[in-house]
Every structure is written in C-alpha cells, then in structure tokens.
C-alpha atoms as a PDB file:
ATOM      1  CA  MET A   1      -0.112   0.225  -0.079  1.00  0.00           C
ATOM      2  CA  LEU A   2       2.745   2.879   0.895  1.00  0.00           C
ATOM      3  CA  LEU A   3       3.944   1.550  -2.768  1.00  0.00           C
ATOM      4  CA  PHE A   4       0.983   3.339  -4.173  1.00  0.00           C
ATOM      5  CA  ILE A   5       0.886   6.330  -2.145  1.00  0.00           C
ATOM      6  CA  GLN A   6       4.251   7.886  -2.840  1.00  0.00           C
ATOM      7  CA  ALA A   7       3.448   7.213  -6.716  1.00  0.00           C
ATOM      8  CA  ALA A   8       0.971   9.210  -6.078  1.00  0.00           C
ATOM      9  CA  HIS A   9       3.014  11.893  -5.598  1.00  0.00           C
ATOM     10  CA  ALA A  10       5.805  12.052  -8.190  1.00  0.00           C
ATOM     11  CA  ALA A  11       7.201  14.555  -9.806  1.00  0.00           C
ATOM     12  CA  PRO A  12       4.913  17.959  -8.704  1.00  0.00           C
ATOM     13  CA  GLU A  13       6.325  20.304 -10.725  1.00  0.00           C
ATOM     14  CA  ALA A  14       5.629  18.598 -13.993  1.00  0.00           C
ATOM     15  CA  ALA A  15       1.707  18.369 -13.285  1.00  0.00           C
ATOM     16  CA  GLY A  16       1.925  21.971 -11.476  1.00  0.00           C
ATOM     17  CA  ALA A  17       2.219  23.243 -14.304  1.00  0.00           C
ATOM     18  CA  MET A  18       0.259  21.371 -16.574  1.00  0.00           C
ATOM     19  CA  SER A  19      -2.427  22.642 -13.686  1.00  0.00           C
ATOM     20  CA  LEU A  20      -2.147  26.106 -14.182  1.00  0.00           C
ATOM     21  CA  PHE A  21      -2.785  25.669 -18.048  1.00  0.00           C
ATOM     22  CA  SER A  22      -5.458  23.403 -17.538  1.00  0.00           C
ATOM     23  CA  GLN A  23      -7.089  26.044 -14.640  1.00  0.00           C
ATOM     24  CA  ILE A  24      -6.717  29.118 -17.028  1.00  0.00           C
ATOM     25  CA  LEU A  25      -7.454  27.215 -20.301  1.00  0.00           C
ATOM     26  CA  LEU A  26     -10.804  25.251 -19.125  1.00  0.00           C
ATOM     27  CA  PRO A  27     -12.506  28.483 -17.476  1.00  0.00           C
ATOM     28  CA  VAL A  28     -12.147  30.554 -20.797  1.00  0.00           C
ATOM     29  CA  ALA A  29     -13.259  28.136 -22.764  1.00  0.00           C
ATOM     30  CA  PHE A  30     -16.187  27.279 -21.249  1.00  0.00           C
ATOM     31  CA  PHE A  31     -16.343  31.566 -21.584  1.00  0.00           C
ATOM     32  CA  ALA A  32     -16.081  31.319 -25.496  1.00  0.00           C
ATOM     33  CA  ILE A  33     -18.980  28.764 -25.940  1.00  0.00           C
ATOM     34  CA  PHE A  34     -21.233  30.846 -23.531  1.00  0.00           C
ATOM     35  CA  TYR A  35     -20.857  33.736 -26.177  1.00  0.00           C
ATOM     36  CA  PHE A  36     -21.136  32.400 -29.172  1.00  0.00           C
ATOM     37  CA  LEU A  37     -23.988  29.988 -28.096  1.00  0.00           C
ATOM     38  CA  VAL A  38     -25.763  32.112 -25.611  1.00  0.00           C
ATOM     39  CA  ILE A  39     -24.361  36.297 -25.410  1.00  0.00           C
ATOM     40  CA  ARG A  40     -23.805  37.026 -29.519  1.00  0.00           C
ATOM     41  CA  PRO A  41     -27.580  35.133 -30.698  1.00  0.00           C
ATOM     42  CA  GLN A  42     -29.033  36.806 -27.962  1.00  0.00           C
ATOM     43  CA  SER A  43     -27.439  40.481 -28.665  1.00  0.00           C
ATOM     44  CA  LYS A  44     -28.342  40.337 -32.060  1.00  0.00           C
ATOM     45  CA  ARG A  45     -32.036  39.744 -31.022  1.00  0.00           C
ATOM     46  CA  THR A  46     -31.630  42.217 -29.719  1.00  0.00           C
ATOM     47  CA  LYS A  47     -30.346  44.829 -31.879  1.00  0.00           C
ATOM     48  CA  GLU A  48     -33.131  43.343 -34.279  1.00  0.00           C
ATOM     49  CA  HIS A  49     -35.680  44.149 -32.305  1.00  0.00           C
ATOM     50  CA  ARG A  50     -34.639  47.688 -31.457  1.00  0.00           C
ATOM     51  CA  ALA A  51     -34.276  48.934 -35.416  1.00  0.00           C
ATOM     52  CA  MET A  52     -37.802  46.887 -36.401  1.00  0.00           C
ATOM     53  CA  VAL A  53     -39.196  49.165 -32.969  1.00  0.00           C
ATOM     54  CA  ASN A  54     -37.147  52.294 -34.728  1.00  0.00           C
ATOM     55  CA  ALA A  55     -38.351  51.751 -37.640  1.00  0.00           C
ATOM     56  CA  LEU A  56     -42.019  51.710 -36.910  1.00  0.00           C
ATOM     57  CA  THR A  57     -43.925  54.303 -38.494  1.00  0.00           C
ATOM     58  CA  VAL A  58     -47.960  55.193 -39.382  1.00  0.00           C
ATOM     59  CA  GLY A  59     -49.712  52.698 -40.820  1.00  0.00           C
ATOM     60  CA  SER A  60     -47.474  49.406 -39.674  1.00  0.00           C
ATOM     61  CA  GLU A  61     -49.739  46.628 -39.352  1.00  0.00           C
ATOM     62  CA  ILE A  62     -48.447  44.903 -36.579  1.00  0.00           C
ATOM     63  CA  ILE A  63     -48.199  42.357 -33.726  1.00  0.00           C
ATOM     64  CA  PHE A  64     -47.865  43.092 -30.284  1.00  0.00           C
ATOM     65  CA  ALA A  65     -46.958  41.131 -27.178  1.00  0.00           C
ATOM     66  CA  GLY A  66     -50.624  40.632 -26.188  1.00  0.00           C
ATOM     67  CA  GLY A  67     -51.172  39.187 -29.536  1.00  0.00           C
ATOM     68  CA  LEU A  68     -53.423  41.573 -31.304  1.00  0.00           C
ATOM     69  CA  MET A  69     -53.177  42.906 -34.510  1.00  0.00           C
ATOM     70  CA  GLY A  70     -53.318  46.044 -35.939  1.00  0.00           C
ATOM     71  CA  ARG A  71     -52.311  49.532 -37.507  1.00  0.00           C
ATOM     72  CA  ILE A  72     -50.264  52.225 -36.110  1.00  0.00           C
ATOM     73  CA  LYS A  73     -52.620  55.411 -36.121  1.00  0.00           C
ATOM     74  CA  ALA A  74     -49.890  57.859 -33.814  1.00  0.00           C
ATOM     75  CA  ILE A  75     -46.767  57.124 -32.877  1.00  0.00           C
ATOM     76  CA  GLU A  76     -46.266  59.164 -29.242  1.00  0.00           C
ATOM     77  CA  GLY A  77     -42.300  58.753 -28.185  1.00  0.00           C
ATOM     78  CA  ASP A  78     -42.025  55.291 -26.745  1.00  0.00           C
ATOM     79  CA  TYR A  79     -45.892  54.683 -27.251  1.00  0.00           C
ATOM     80  CA  ALA A  80     -47.679  54.113 -30.022  1.00  0.00           C
ATOM     81  CA  VAL A  81     -51.719  54.714 -30.942  1.00  0.00           C
ATOM     82  CA  VAL A  82     -53.332  51.146 -32.251  1.00  0.00           C
ATOM     83  CA  SER A  83     -56.618  50.826 -34.032  1.00  0.00           C
ATOM     84  CA  LEU A  84     -57.342  47.131 -34.065  1.00  0.00           C
ATOM     85  CA  ASN A  85     -60.847  48.079 -36.433  1.00  0.00           C
ATOM     86  CA  ASN A  86     -62.942  51.167 -36.955  1.00  0.00           C
ATOM     87  CA  ASN A  87     -64.119  51.608 -33.416  1.00  0.00           C
ATOM     88  CA  THR A  88     -61.336  50.196 -30.496  1.00  0.00           C
ATOM     89  CA  ASP A  89     -57.289  52.090 -30.414  1.00  0.00           C
ATOM     90  CA  VAL A  90     -54.878  51.629 -27.736  1.00  0.00           C
ATOM     91  CA  LYS A  91     -52.086  52.750 -26.439  1.00  0.00           C
ATOM     92  CA  VAL A  92     -49.454  50.467 -26.122  1.00  0.00           C
ATOM     93  CA  GLN A  93     -45.566  50.609 -25.588  1.00  0.00           C
ATOM     94  CA  ARG A  94     -43.502  50.527 -29.215  1.00  0.00           C
ATOM     95  CA  ALA A  95     -41.200  48.081 -27.045  1.00  0.00           C
ATOM     96  CA  SER A  96     -44.480  45.216 -27.029  1.00  0.00           C
ATOM     97  CA  VAL A  97     -44.633  45.109 -30.671  1.00  0.00           C
ATOM     98  CA  ILE A  98     -42.909  42.023 -31.689  1.00  0.00           C
ATOM     99  CA  SER A  99     -43.611  41.933 -35.105  1.00  0.00           C
ATOM    100  CA  VAL A 100     -44.357  43.642 -38.011  1.00  0.00           C
ATOM    101  CA  LEU A 101     -46.897  42.389 -41.313  1.00  0.00           C
ATOM    102  CA  PRO A 102     -46.315  43.065 -44.984  1.00  0.00           C
ATOM    103  CA  ALA A 103     -48.427  45.705 -45.383  1.00  0.00           C
ATOM    104  CA  GLY A 104     -52.614  45.155 -46.830  1.00  0.00           C
ATOM    105  CA  THR A 105     -52.348  41.707 -44.057  1.00  0.00           C
ATOM    106  CA  ILE A 106     -55.050  43.187 -42.415  1.00  0.00           C
ATOM    107  CA  GLU A 107     -58.485  44.057 -43.994  1.00  0.00           C
ATOM    108  CA  SER A 108     -60.944  46.470 -42.301  1.00  0.00           C
ATOM    109  CA  VAL A 109     -58.992  48.272 -39.950  1.00  0.00           C
END
C-alpha cells in the first residue's frame, strides 16, 4: 500500500505546470462557448428588435405582445396608438411590438 501512495506524489513540478494551464484554459473555453451560444445570438436579436421598433411608422401593421393585430394610428414617443378595428384604439409601448406584418395583411381596420 505504501508503494501506491508514493507513486501518487511523483513529479509535482510537471503536474503543477499542467494544472495551471488547464485551470486557465478551461474557464476561457467555457466562456467562449457560452459567448457564442448564448450572449452573441441574444444581443443580435436585441439589436434587430430595436431596429424594428425604431422603424415603426404610422400605418404599419403590427402584432404586439398581447397577440393582438392592428395598424399604427399615431406614434407618441415610446408609445404607439394602435387601431384594432374601426371603433377601438389602444395605446401600447413601442417595445411590446413583436412583429411588423406585410402591408395589406389586415383588411378592415
């Protein structure tokens, strides 16, 4: 049994140098994987959404977070007045718009 214990403590200098390298490399590799799989795609989606919200104009047909569809009647700063039908207008945050529809999608608004 004593023979095995002594063999486990052999060459501490080489093991220490390799251990330091692997201790630095492993977290860097995990961060790189996390960056390319999570952070970068999320920031790209956020950038695209911000560009879409900034491009909203009066008359754009949209779907907003509640799932309702309508046509933008007026834009008031960070809010938009959306006409759901001929009689119903709602005020929503521009950031709640999830999609801009092609022109002519909504028939009777």
